[in-house]
Amino acid sequence: MSNSNSSDTNTDKPWAGRFTSPTDAFVEAFTASVGFDKRMYRQDIAGSIAHAKMLSLVGVLTDEECEAIIEGLKDIRLEIERDEFAWSTVLEDVHMNIEARLTDRIGITGKKLHTGRSRNDQVATDIRLYMRDQIVEVNTVLTRLITGLLELAEKEADTIMPGFTHLQTAQPVTFGHHLLAWCEMLLRDQGRLADCQKRVDVMPLGAAALAGTTYPIDRYYTAELLGFGAVAENSLDAVSDRDFAIEFLAFASTLMMHLSRFSEELILWSSAQFDFVDLGDSFCTGSSIMPQKKNPDVPELVRGKTGRIYGHLISLLTLMKGQPLAYNKDNQEDKEPLFDTIDNVKGCLRLYADMMPQIEVKRDNMREAARSGFSTATDLADYLVRNGVAFRDAHEIVGKAVRYGVDNKKDLSEMSLEELQQFSDVIEAGVFEVLTLEGSVAARDHIGGTAPKQVRAAIKRVADRIISITAPDLSTL
């Protein structure tokens, strides 16, 4: 039979009976969604196979009709995967392209597939099935990034660097501890993603256009075939709900905000002014006129893409805010921002996961930076308090010592005992044990602290907290 499924009139359209003239050509192109929703063909075919099996179970289709439909849909899936399928904008979307091709292959039986459903509940089901699969893919690469950060943190558990507040040197920390802060952000993101999956895992199919159907369908059986955890309880809400997509975009926006913060630090650290890390050559580019340049383009582009993802979240929120129940054509605009977000989030995560093993840490430079800026000032104040000085008085004493250090270009650890004692007679020779960088970080020896021992213990806990997300395999349908 012919592989063509296009036409210049309304005769190929499932709703053509109501109309007496063809759709304007520009309107046809403007309203078609097949250019982007065809990526859901696997989910559309899986949903149709499950729907056909359910219709056979309740007696709407014969066993022979069901078998013909299933075999036809499987053949179409192979056509698409072999890039032999002729997509048509005349047929508007992925659903009608596949249904028209099915009828082309098996005849009138193909027209029976749509019994008891509408494109409204069909597309809502396809999006959820697609998102369910994509959430698993996003989580897989997110897990790879967290694992890469943990491996780097293990290597750098003893590496001392300055900790910052207001981008000013505050206290010494270990680089491993700093990387674990990134892990905490990503673990929260992973929790949000897993929570989003719960809202995605609800089946709209059976809601039909908006009110349900008069056919004796078994929605629980269809949900079981498709691996859904629940069935949508209200037909109006089932076809018009896009909260789950908005929730995913909110997750994605928060994740990208975190990746943007990582990017900002890597960009600063790889600059000549900091020189804390060297990013792998594979993740940088050069300048067309300045041969010495090595630009951190990957972190910069990830930082830039964050605004793009924010825009998609606002786009979907705005899309939904004025819609009355139930389905409206506006909802066709949900897919491009959603698909673009999925693609970019996976791409950014992959780049970061690939980049982690190639980061060269310049430990000596980090340590030297931690030595400057009086990063152990708080340790000196704590020393004074432990020796009976009130904290506010200790704060003032150390402030004067820092002022002296600024004027004389000396860090606290570089001052002699006599120099320190001019600020307080409580200070004794043992003070230098707390003024060393190693002593400072080792003293923070409690859960959540920067002591190397605590960092290594935290790495193990983070590994245990990584969340696994799975989805049913529908390829066997």
Protein backbone atom coordinates (compact mmCIF):
# COMPACT_ATOMS: atom_id res chain seq x y z
CA MET A 1 0.00 0.00 0.00
CA SER A 2 1.02 3.62 -0.43
CA ASN A 3 3.25 5.17 2.26
CA SER A 4 1.80 8.64 1.62
CA ASN A 5 -0.49 10.12 4.23
CA SER A 6 -0.89 13.70 3.02
CA SER A 7 -3.62 15.63 1.22
CA ASP A 8 -4.51 19.12 0.04
CA THR A 9 -8.06 19.03 1.43
CA ASN A 10 -9.89 18.25 4.63
CA THR A 11 -10.81 14.77 3.44
CA ASP A 12 -8.00 13.12 5.42
CA LYS A 13 -8.91 14.92 8.62
CA PRO A 14 -10.90 13.01 11.24
CA TRP A 15 -13.17 15.99 11.86
CA ALA A 16 -13.82 16.80 8.17
CA GLY A 17 -17.53 15.93 8.22
CA ARG A 18 -18.53 19.21 9.86
CA PHE A 19 -16.72 21.38 7.29
CA THR A 20 -17.53 22.33 3.70
CA SER A 21 -14.26 24.00 2.69
CA PRO A 22 -10.61 23.07 3.20
CA THR A 23 -8.42 24.58 5.88
CA ASP A 24 -6.41 27.60 4.80
CA ALA A 25 -2.89 26.43 3.95
CA PHE A 26 -1.22 28.88 6.33
CA VAL A 27 -3.65 27.99 9.12
CA GLU A 28 -2.84 24.36 8.52
CA ALA A 29 0.86 24.97 8.88
CA PHE A 30 0.40 27.38 11.79
CA THR A 31 -1.74 25.00 13.86
CA ALA A 32 0.16 21.78 13.12
CA SER A 33 2.23 20.34 15.96
CA VAL A 34 3.68 17.27 14.26
CA GLY A 35 6.99 19.05 13.74
CA PHE A 36 7.72 18.78 17.45
CA ASP A 37 5.29 16.27 18.95
CA LYS A 38 6.43 13.44 16.68
CA ARG A 39 9.17 12.78 19.23
CA MET A 40 6.42 11.15 21.33
CA TYR A 41 5.71 8.44 18.74
CA ARG A 42 6.83 5.60 21.00
CA GLN A 43 4.55 6.76 23.78
CA ASP A 44 1.67 7.36 21.37
CA ILE A 45 1.98 3.85 19.96
CA ALA A 46 2.30 2.29 23.42
CA GLY A 47 -0.81 4.14 24.56
CA SER A 48 -2.72 3.01 21.46
CA ILE A 49 -1.69 -0.61 21.93
CA ALA A 50 -2.86 -0.55 25.55
CA HIS A 51 -6.10 1.15 24.49
CA ALA A 52 -6.71 -1.49 21.82
CA LYS A 53 -6.12 -4.31 24.30
CA MET A 54 -8.58 -2.72 26.69
CA LEU A 55 -11.21 -2.31 23.95
CA SER A 56 -10.78 -6.00 23.11
CA LEU A 57 -11.11 -6.98 26.76
CA VAL A 58 -14.46 -5.18 27.11
CA GLY A 59 -15.77 -6.45 23.78
CA VAL A 60 -15.64 -3.24 21.73
CA LEU A 61 -13.02 -4.80 19.42
CA THR A 62 -12.78 -8.43 18.40
CA ASP A 63 -9.60 -10.32 19.13
CA GLU A 64 -8.80 -10.33 15.42
CA GLU A 65 -9.29 -6.58 15.14
CA CYS A 66 -7.13 -5.98 18.20
CA GLU A 67 -4.37 -8.17 16.83
CA ALA A 68 -4.44 -6.39 13.46
CA ILE A 69 -4.21 -3.00 15.15
CA ILE A 70 -1.33 -4.05 17.39
CA GLU A 71 0.66 -5.58 14.55
CA GLY A 72 -0.01 -2.53 12.40
CA LEU A 73 1.18 -0.17 15.14
CA LYS A 74 4.34 -2.20 15.69
CA ASP A 75 5.10 -2.06 11.98
CA ILE A 76 4.58 1.72 12.03
CA ARG A 77 6.97 2.01 14.95
CA LEU A 78 9.61 0.22 12.88
CA GLU A 79 8.90 2.53 9.93
CA ILE A 80 9.50 5.57 12.11
CA GLU A 81 12.65 4.15 13.65
CA ARG A 82 14.00 3.36 10.18
CA ASP A 83 13.16 6.92 9.08
CA GLU A 84 10.76 5.54 6.45
CA PHE A 85 7.65 7.28 7.78
CA ALA A 86 6.20 10.23 5.86
CA TRP A 87 5.10 12.83 8.42
CA SER A 88 2.37 15.19 7.23
CA THR A 89 1.42 18.63 8.54
CA VAL A 90 -2.01 18.14 6.94
CA LEU A 91 -2.65 15.48 9.58
CA GLU A 92 -1.69 18.02 12.25
CA ASP A 93 -0.07 15.91 14.95
CA VAL A 94 1.67 12.68 15.88
CA HIS A 95 -1.65 11.02 16.78
CA MET A 96 -3.42 11.50 13.47
CA ASN A 97 -0.29 10.75 11.44
CA ILE A 98 0.01 7.37 13.10
CA GLU A 99 -3.73 6.63 12.98
CA ALA A 100 -3.93 7.55 9.27
CA ARG A 101 -0.97 5.33 8.49
CA LEU A 102 -2.57 2.51 10.48
CA THR A 103 -5.75 2.77 8.42
CA ASP A 104 -3.65 2.90 5.30
CA ARG A 105 -2.02 -0.38 6.31
CA ILE A 106 -4.90 -2.42 7.76
CA GLY A 107 -8.02 -0.77 6.36
CA ILE A 108 -11.22 0.18 8.16
CA THR A 109 -10.19 -1.63 11.34
CA GLY A 110 -7.65 1.12 11.90
CA LYS A 111 -10.48 3.62 12.20
CA LYS A 112 -11.88 1.69 15.16
CA LEU A 113 -8.82 2.36 17.33
CA HIS A 114 -10.02 5.80 18.38
CA THR A 115 -13.24 4.42 19.88
CA GLY A 116 -13.70 5.61 23.46
CA ARG A 117 -10.95 8.22 23.45
CA SER A 118 -10.15 11.71 22.18
CA ARG A 119 -6.98 13.44 21.15
CA ASN A 120 -7.45 15.45 24.34
CA ASP A 121 -6.87 12.50 26.67
CA GLN A 122 -4.51 10.88 24.16
CA VAL A 123 -2.05 13.78 24.11
CA ALA A 124 -2.26 14.19 27.88
CA THR A 125 -1.35 10.52 28.22
CA ASP A 126 1.47 10.75 25.69
CA ILE A 127 3.05 13.70 27.47
CA ARG A 128 2.95 11.90 30.81
CA LEU A 129 4.43 8.72 29.35
CA TYR A 130 7.13 10.76 27.63
CA MET A 131 7.93 12.73 30.77
CA ARG A 132 8.01 9.57 32.85
CA ASP A 133 10.75 8.22 30.59
CA GLN A 134 12.61 11.53 30.42
CA ILE A 135 12.60 11.96 34.20
CA VAL A 136 14.45 8.65 34.45
CA GLU A 137 16.99 9.85 31.87
CA VAL A 138 17.46 13.19 33.64
CA ASN A 139 17.94 11.43 36.97
CA THR A 140 20.48 9.04 35.49
CA VAL A 141 22.78 11.83 34.34
CA LEU A 142 22.09 13.82 37.52
CA THR A 143 23.23 10.81 39.52
CA ARG A 144 26.36 10.60 37.38
CA LEU A 145 27.15 14.23 38.20
CA ILE A 146 26.66 13.70 41.94
CA THR A 147 28.88 10.61 41.80
CA GLY A 148 31.56 12.56 39.95
CA LEU A 149 31.45 15.30 42.57
CA LEU A 150 31.81 12.72 45.33
CA GLU A 151 34.86 11.21 43.65
CA LEU A 152 36.46 14.63 43.36
CA ALA A 153 35.54 15.47 46.96
CA GLU A 154 37.22 12.26 48.15
CA LYS A 155 40.44 13.26 46.38
CA GLU A 156 40.28 16.78 47.81
CA ALA A 157 39.10 16.02 51.35
CA ASP A 158 42.33 17.46 52.78
CA THR A 159 42.78 20.29 50.28
CA ILE A 160 42.50 23.63 52.05
CA MET A 161 40.95 26.64 50.32
CA PRO A 162 39.44 29.91 51.53
CA GLY A 163 35.76 29.83 52.34
CA PHE A 164 33.99 33.00 51.31
CA THR A 165 31.12 35.20 52.40
CA HIS A 166 30.37 38.27 50.32
CA LEU A 167 33.15 36.88 48.09
CA GLN A 168 35.58 37.94 50.83
CA THR A 169 37.86 35.48 52.58
CA ALA A 170 36.03 34.25 55.65
CA GLN A 171 37.40 30.98 57.10
CA PRO A 172 39.47 28.11 55.72
CA VAL A 173 37.52 25.11 54.47
CA THR A 174 38.43 22.01 52.56
CA PHE A 175 37.70 21.82 48.85
CA GLY A 176 36.02 18.48 49.47
CA HIS A 177 33.64 20.19 51.88
CA HIS A 178 32.87 22.86 49.28
CA LEU A 179 32.05 20.20 46.67
CA LEU A 180 29.74 18.48 49.13
CA ALA A 181 27.75 21.71 49.37
CA TRP A 182 27.12 21.36 45.64
CA CYS A 183 26.03 17.75 46.24
CA GLU A 184 23.50 18.88 48.83
CA MET A 185 21.91 21.21 46.27
CA LEU A 186 21.74 18.42 43.69
CA LEU A 187 20.27 15.96 46.19
CA ARG A 188 17.45 18.42 46.88
CA ASP A 189 16.93 18.71 43.13
CA GLN A 190 16.80 14.95 42.88
CA GLY A 191 14.17 14.85 45.59
CA ARG A 192 12.08 17.41 43.71
CA LEU A 193 12.41 15.36 40.53
CA ALA A 194 11.30 12.17 42.29
CA ASP A 195 8.37 14.03 43.78
CA CYS A 196 7.41 15.38 40.34
CA GLN A 197 7.39 11.82 39.00
CA LYS A 198 4.57 11.01 41.43
CA ARG A 199 2.34 13.66 39.84
CA VAL A 200 3.33 12.57 36.33
CA ASP A 201 2.38 8.98 37.09
CA VAL A 202 -1.39 9.51 36.75
CA MET A 203 -3.27 8.26 33.66
CA PRO A 204 -5.71 10.63 31.90
CA LEU A 205 -6.72 8.11 29.22
CA GLY A 206 -10.45 7.39 29.38
CA ALA A 207 -11.41 10.98 30.06
CA ALA A 208 -12.00 11.27 26.30
CA ALA A 209 -12.70 14.85 25.15
CA LEU A 210 -13.74 16.11 28.59
CA ALA A 211 -16.65 14.10 30.04
CA GLY A 212 -15.60 10.47 29.77
CA THR A 213 -17.14 8.00 27.31
CA THR A 214 -20.28 5.91 26.99
CA TYR A 215 -18.28 2.80 26.10
CA PRO A 216 -17.70 0.24 28.88
CA ILE A 217 -13.99 0.98 29.19
CA ASP A 218 -11.76 -0.42 31.92
CA ARG A 219 -9.38 2.40 32.81
CA TYR A 220 -7.67 0.43 35.56
CA TYR A 221 -6.72 -2.28 33.07
CA THR A 222 -5.29 0.32 30.68
CA ALA A 223 -3.37 1.92 33.53
CA GLU A 224 -1.96 -1.45 34.51
CA LEU A 225 -0.78 -2.10 30.94
CA LEU A 226 0.90 1.30 30.78
CA GLY A 227 2.38 1.01 34.26
CA PHE A 228 0.60 4.05 35.68
CA GLY A 229 0.36 4.23 39.46
CA ALA A 230 -3.02 5.95 39.46
CA VAL A 231 -5.97 6.92 37.27
CA ALA A 232 -7.07 10.56 36.94
CA GLU A 233 -10.21 10.97 39.04
CA ASN A 234 -11.91 13.80 37.13
CA SER A 235 -12.30 13.82 33.36
CA LEU A 236 -12.33 17.63 33.06
CA ASP A 237 -9.13 17.98 35.02
CA ALA A 238 -7.53 14.98 33.32
CA VAL A 239 -7.48 16.56 29.86
CA SER A 240 -6.64 20.11 30.93
CA ASP A 241 -4.10 19.58 33.73
CA ARG A 242 -0.54 20.64 32.98
CA ASP A 243 0.55 21.09 36.59
CA PHE A 244 2.93 18.16 36.25
CA ALA A 245 4.74 19.90 33.37
CA ILE A 246 4.94 23.15 35.32
CA GLU A 247 6.30 21.23 38.30
CA PHE A 248 8.99 19.70 36.11
CA LEU A 249 9.94 23.13 34.79
CA ALA A 250 10.11 24.43 38.37
CA PHE A 251 12.46 21.56 39.22
CA ALA A 252 14.49 22.33 36.10
CA SER A 253 14.69 26.03 36.94
CA THR A 254 15.98 25.30 40.44
CA LEU A 255 18.47 22.77 39.10
CA MET A 256 19.73 25.24 36.50
CA MET A 257 20.04 27.92 39.18
CA HIS A 258 22.33 25.54 41.05
CA LEU A 259 24.34 24.70 37.93
CA SER A 260 24.64 28.42 37.26
CA ARG A 261 26.08 28.95 40.74
CA PHE A 262 28.57 26.14 40.11
CA SER A 263 29.40 27.78 36.78
CA GLU A 264 30.02 31.14 38.41
CA GLU A 265 32.51 29.63 40.84
CA LEU A 266 34.30 27.61 38.17
CA ILE A 267 34.55 30.69 35.96
CA LEU A 268 36.05 32.69 38.84
CA TRP A 269 38.34 29.88 40.00
CA SER A 270 39.72 29.25 36.51
CA SER A 271 40.58 32.94 36.04
CA ALA A 272 44.16 34.17 36.41
CA GLN A 273 43.06 36.21 39.41
CA PHE A 274 42.04 33.09 41.39
CA ASP A 275 43.85 30.28 39.55
CA PHE A 276 42.33 27.59 41.77
CA VAL A 277 41.39 25.12 39.02
CA ASP A 278 42.16 24.35 35.42
CA LEU A 279 39.23 23.08 33.36
CA GLY A 280 39.92 20.37 30.82
CA ASP A 281 40.79 21.60 27.34
CA SER A 282 37.81 19.64 25.99
CA PHE A 283 35.47 22.01 27.80
CA CYS A 284 37.09 25.31 26.87
CA THR A 285 37.68 27.34 23.73
CA GLY A 286 40.22 29.89 22.60
CA SER A 287 40.10 33.40 21.21
CA SER A 288 40.18 34.24 17.51
CA ILE A 289 42.73 37.04 18.09
CA MET A 290 44.27 36.42 21.55
CA PRO A 291 46.32 33.20 21.42
CA GLN A 292 46.84 33.03 25.19
CA LYS A 293 43.14 32.77 26.02
CA LYS A 294 41.46 29.65 27.41
CA ASN A 295 37.82 30.53 27.89
CA PRO A 296 35.47 28.55 30.18
CA ASP A 297 32.73 28.42 27.56
CA VAL A 298 30.87 25.40 28.93
CA PRO A 299 30.23 26.92 32.38
CA GLU A 300 29.42 30.26 30.77
CA LEU A 301 26.89 28.72 28.39
CA VAL A 302 25.29 26.69 31.17
CA ARG A 303 24.98 29.90 33.16
CA GLY A 304 23.35 31.53 30.14
CA LYS A 305 20.93 28.69 29.49
CA THR A 306 19.55 29.13 33.00
CA GLY A 307 17.61 32.21 31.87
CA ARG A 308 16.20 30.24 28.96
CA ILE A 309 14.81 27.59 31.31
CA TYR A 310 13.36 30.27 33.62
CA GLY A 311 11.59 31.67 30.56
CA HIS A 312 10.02 28.30 29.78
CA LEU A 313 8.63 28.07 33.33
CA ILE A 314 7.07 31.53 33.06
CA SER A 315 5.77 30.61 29.59
CA LEU A 316 3.86 27.60 30.89
CA LEU A 317 2.53 29.41 33.93
CA THR A 318 1.29 32.20 31.67
CA LEU A 319 -0.13 29.68 29.19
CA MET A 320 -2.31 28.09 31.85
CA LYS A 321 -3.36 31.10 33.90
CA GLY A 322 -6.29 32.21 31.73
CA GLN A 323 -7.67 28.91 30.52
CA PRO A 324 -11.20 27.83 31.42
CA LEU A 325 -11.91 24.11 31.69
CA ALA A 326 -11.38 21.91 29.83
CA TYR A 327 -8.93 21.44 26.93
CA ASN A 328 -8.03 24.47 24.79
CA LYS A 329 -5.79 24.76 21.74
CA ASP A 330 -3.49 26.95 23.84
CA ASN A 331 -2.20 23.72 25.38
CA GLN A 332 -0.42 22.86 22.17
CA GLU A 333 2.09 25.49 23.28
CA ASP A 334 3.10 23.40 26.29
CA LYS A 335 5.32 21.00 24.39
CA GLU A 336 8.05 23.12 22.84
CA PRO A 337 9.14 24.77 26.12
CA LEU A 338 8.87 21.41 27.89
CA PHE A 339 10.85 19.56 25.24
CA ASP A 340 13.48 22.29 25.02
CA THR A 341 13.87 22.24 28.80
CA ILE A 342 14.32 18.48 28.87
CA ASP A 343 16.92 18.60 26.09
CA ASN A 344 18.90 21.44 27.66
CA VAL A 345 18.79 20.09 31.20
CA LYS A 346 20.09 16.71 30.03
CA GLY A 347 22.76 18.44 27.97
CA CYS A 348 23.95 20.66 30.81
CA LEU A 349 24.05 17.78 33.27
CA ARG A 350 25.96 15.61 30.83
CA LEU A 351 28.54 18.34 30.24
CA TYR A 352 29.07 18.83 33.97
CA ALA A 353 29.27 15.10 34.64
CA ASP A 354 31.84 14.71 31.85
CA MET A 355 33.79 17.76 33.02
CA MET A 356 34.28 16.74 36.67
CA PRO A 357 37.04 14.13 36.13
CA GLN A 358 39.00 16.59 33.98
CA ILE A 359 39.19 19.39 36.55
CA GLU A 360 42.76 19.96 37.72
CA VAL A 361 42.83 21.31 41.26
CA LYS A 362 45.68 23.72 42.03
CA ARG A 363 46.09 22.87 45.67
CA ASP A 364 49.06 25.15 46.37
CA ASN A 365 47.22 28.18 45.01
CA MET A 366 44.14 27.37 47.06
CA ARG A 367 46.22 27.01 50.19
CA GLU A 368 48.10 30.24 49.57
CA ALA A 369 44.81 32.08 49.10
CA ALA A 370 43.53 30.65 52.37
CA ARG A 371 46.67 31.94 54.15
CA SER A 372 45.89 35.49 53.13
CA GLY A 373 42.83 37.40 54.22
CA PHE A 374 43.18 36.49 57.94
CA SER A 375 41.00 33.41 57.50
CA THR A 376 41.89 32.09 60.97
CA ALA A 377 40.72 35.23 62.79
CA THR A 378 37.64 33.45 64.13
CA ASP A 379 39.89 30.67 65.45
CA LEU A 380 41.87 33.22 67.42
CA ALA A 381 38.66 34.66 68.84
CA ASP A 382 37.51 31.18 69.84
CA TYR A 383 40.89 30.58 71.49
CA LEU A 384 40.45 33.71 73.59
CA VAL A 385 36.91 32.71 74.59
CA ARG A 386 38.12 29.26 75.67
CA ASN A 387 40.62 31.07 77.87
CA GLY A 388 38.01 33.16 79.68
CA VAL A 389 37.60 36.23 77.45
CA ALA A 390 34.03 37.31 76.68
CA PHE A 391 33.23 36.83 72.98
CA ARG A 392 32.56 40.51 72.27
CA ASP A 393 35.88 41.45 73.90
CA ALA A 394 37.62 38.67 71.97
CA HIS A 395 36.08 40.01 68.75
CA GLU A 396 37.53 43.47 69.45
CA ILE A 397 40.96 42.08 70.35
CA VAL A 398 41.19 40.07 67.15
CA GLY A 399 39.96 43.03 65.11
CA LYS A 400 42.87 45.09 66.41
CA ALA A 401 45.28 42.26 65.64
CA VAL A 402 43.96 42.08 62.09
CA ARG A 403 44.35 45.83 61.72
CA TYR A 404 47.96 45.47 62.82
CA GLY A 405 48.43 42.67 60.29
CA VAL A 406 47.00 44.76 57.47
CA ASP A 407 49.32 47.65 58.32
CA ASN A 408 52.36 45.39 58.56
CA LYS A 409 51.41 42.94 55.79
CA LYS A 410 51.44 39.96 58.13
CA ASP A 411 48.92 37.16 58.54
CA LEU A 412 48.03 36.22 62.12
CA SER A 413 50.01 33.00 61.82
CA GLU A 414 53.08 34.99 60.73
CA MET A 415 53.13 37.23 63.81
CA SER A 416 55.44 36.47 66.69
CA LEU A 417 54.10 35.57 70.10
CA GLU A 418 55.21 38.96 71.38
CA GLU A 419 53.29 40.73 68.62
CA LEU A 420 50.11 38.84 69.46
CA GLN A 421 50.48 39.34 73.19
CA GLN A 422 50.38 43.12 72.77
CA PHE A 423 46.65 42.67 72.13
CA SER A 424 45.93 40.29 75.03
CA ASP A 425 48.05 38.78 77.79
CA VAL A 426 45.83 35.68 77.67
CA ILE A 427 47.59 34.60 74.47
CA GLU A 428 50.27 31.96 75.00
CA ALA A 429 52.54 29.85 72.79
CA GLY A 430 49.83 27.25 72.18
CA VAL A 431 47.90 29.80 70.12
CA PHE A 432 49.80 28.82 66.97
CA GLU A 433 48.15 25.41 66.99
CA VAL A 434 44.80 27.08 66.21
CA LEU A 435 46.24 29.63 63.80
CA THR A 436 47.41 27.02 61.30
CA LEU A 437 45.10 26.22 58.40
CA GLU A 438 45.17 22.51 59.20
CA GLY A 439 44.31 23.18 62.81
CA SER A 440 41.45 25.45 61.81
CA VAL A 441 39.72 22.95 59.52
CA ALA A 442 40.42 19.99 61.78
CA ALA A 443 38.76 21.80 64.69
CA ARG A 444 35.40 21.79 62.85
CA ASP A 445 35.04 18.12 63.70
CA HIS A 446 31.29 17.62 63.85
CA ILE A 447 28.59 16.55 61.43
CA GLY A 448 28.34 19.16 58.71
CA GLY A 449 31.78 20.55 59.54
CA THR A 450 34.74 20.98 57.21
CA ALA A 451 37.19 18.68 59.04
CA PRO A 452 38.62 16.12 56.58
CA LYS A 453 37.35 13.27 58.76
CA GLN A 454 33.84 14.70 58.60
CA VAL A 455 34.12 15.25 54.84
CA ARG A 456 34.93 11.59 54.26
CA ALA A 457 32.06 10.49 56.47
CA ALA A 458 29.70 12.87 54.66
CA ILE A 459 30.75 11.47 51.27
CA LYS A 460 29.52 8.04 52.33
CA ARG A 461 26.23 9.47 53.59
CA VAL A 462 25.64 11.38 50.36
CA ALA A 463 26.25 8.21 48.34
CA ASP A 464 23.57 6.47 50.41
CA ARG A 465 21.10 9.33 49.87
CA ILE A 466 21.20 9.27 46.07
CA ILE A 467 17.68 8.60 44.78
CA SER A 468 16.92 6.03 42.10
CA ILE A 469 13.98 6.69 39.79
CA THR A 470 12.55 4.04 37.47
CA ALA A 471 9.75 3.81 34.93
CA PRO A 472 8.03 0.79 33.37
CA ASP A 473 9.46 -0.51 30.10
CA LEU A 474 6.68 -0.28 27.52
CA SER A 475 8.73 -1.64 24.61
CA THR A 476 7.20 -5.07 25.15
CA LEU A 477 3.64 -3.84 24.61
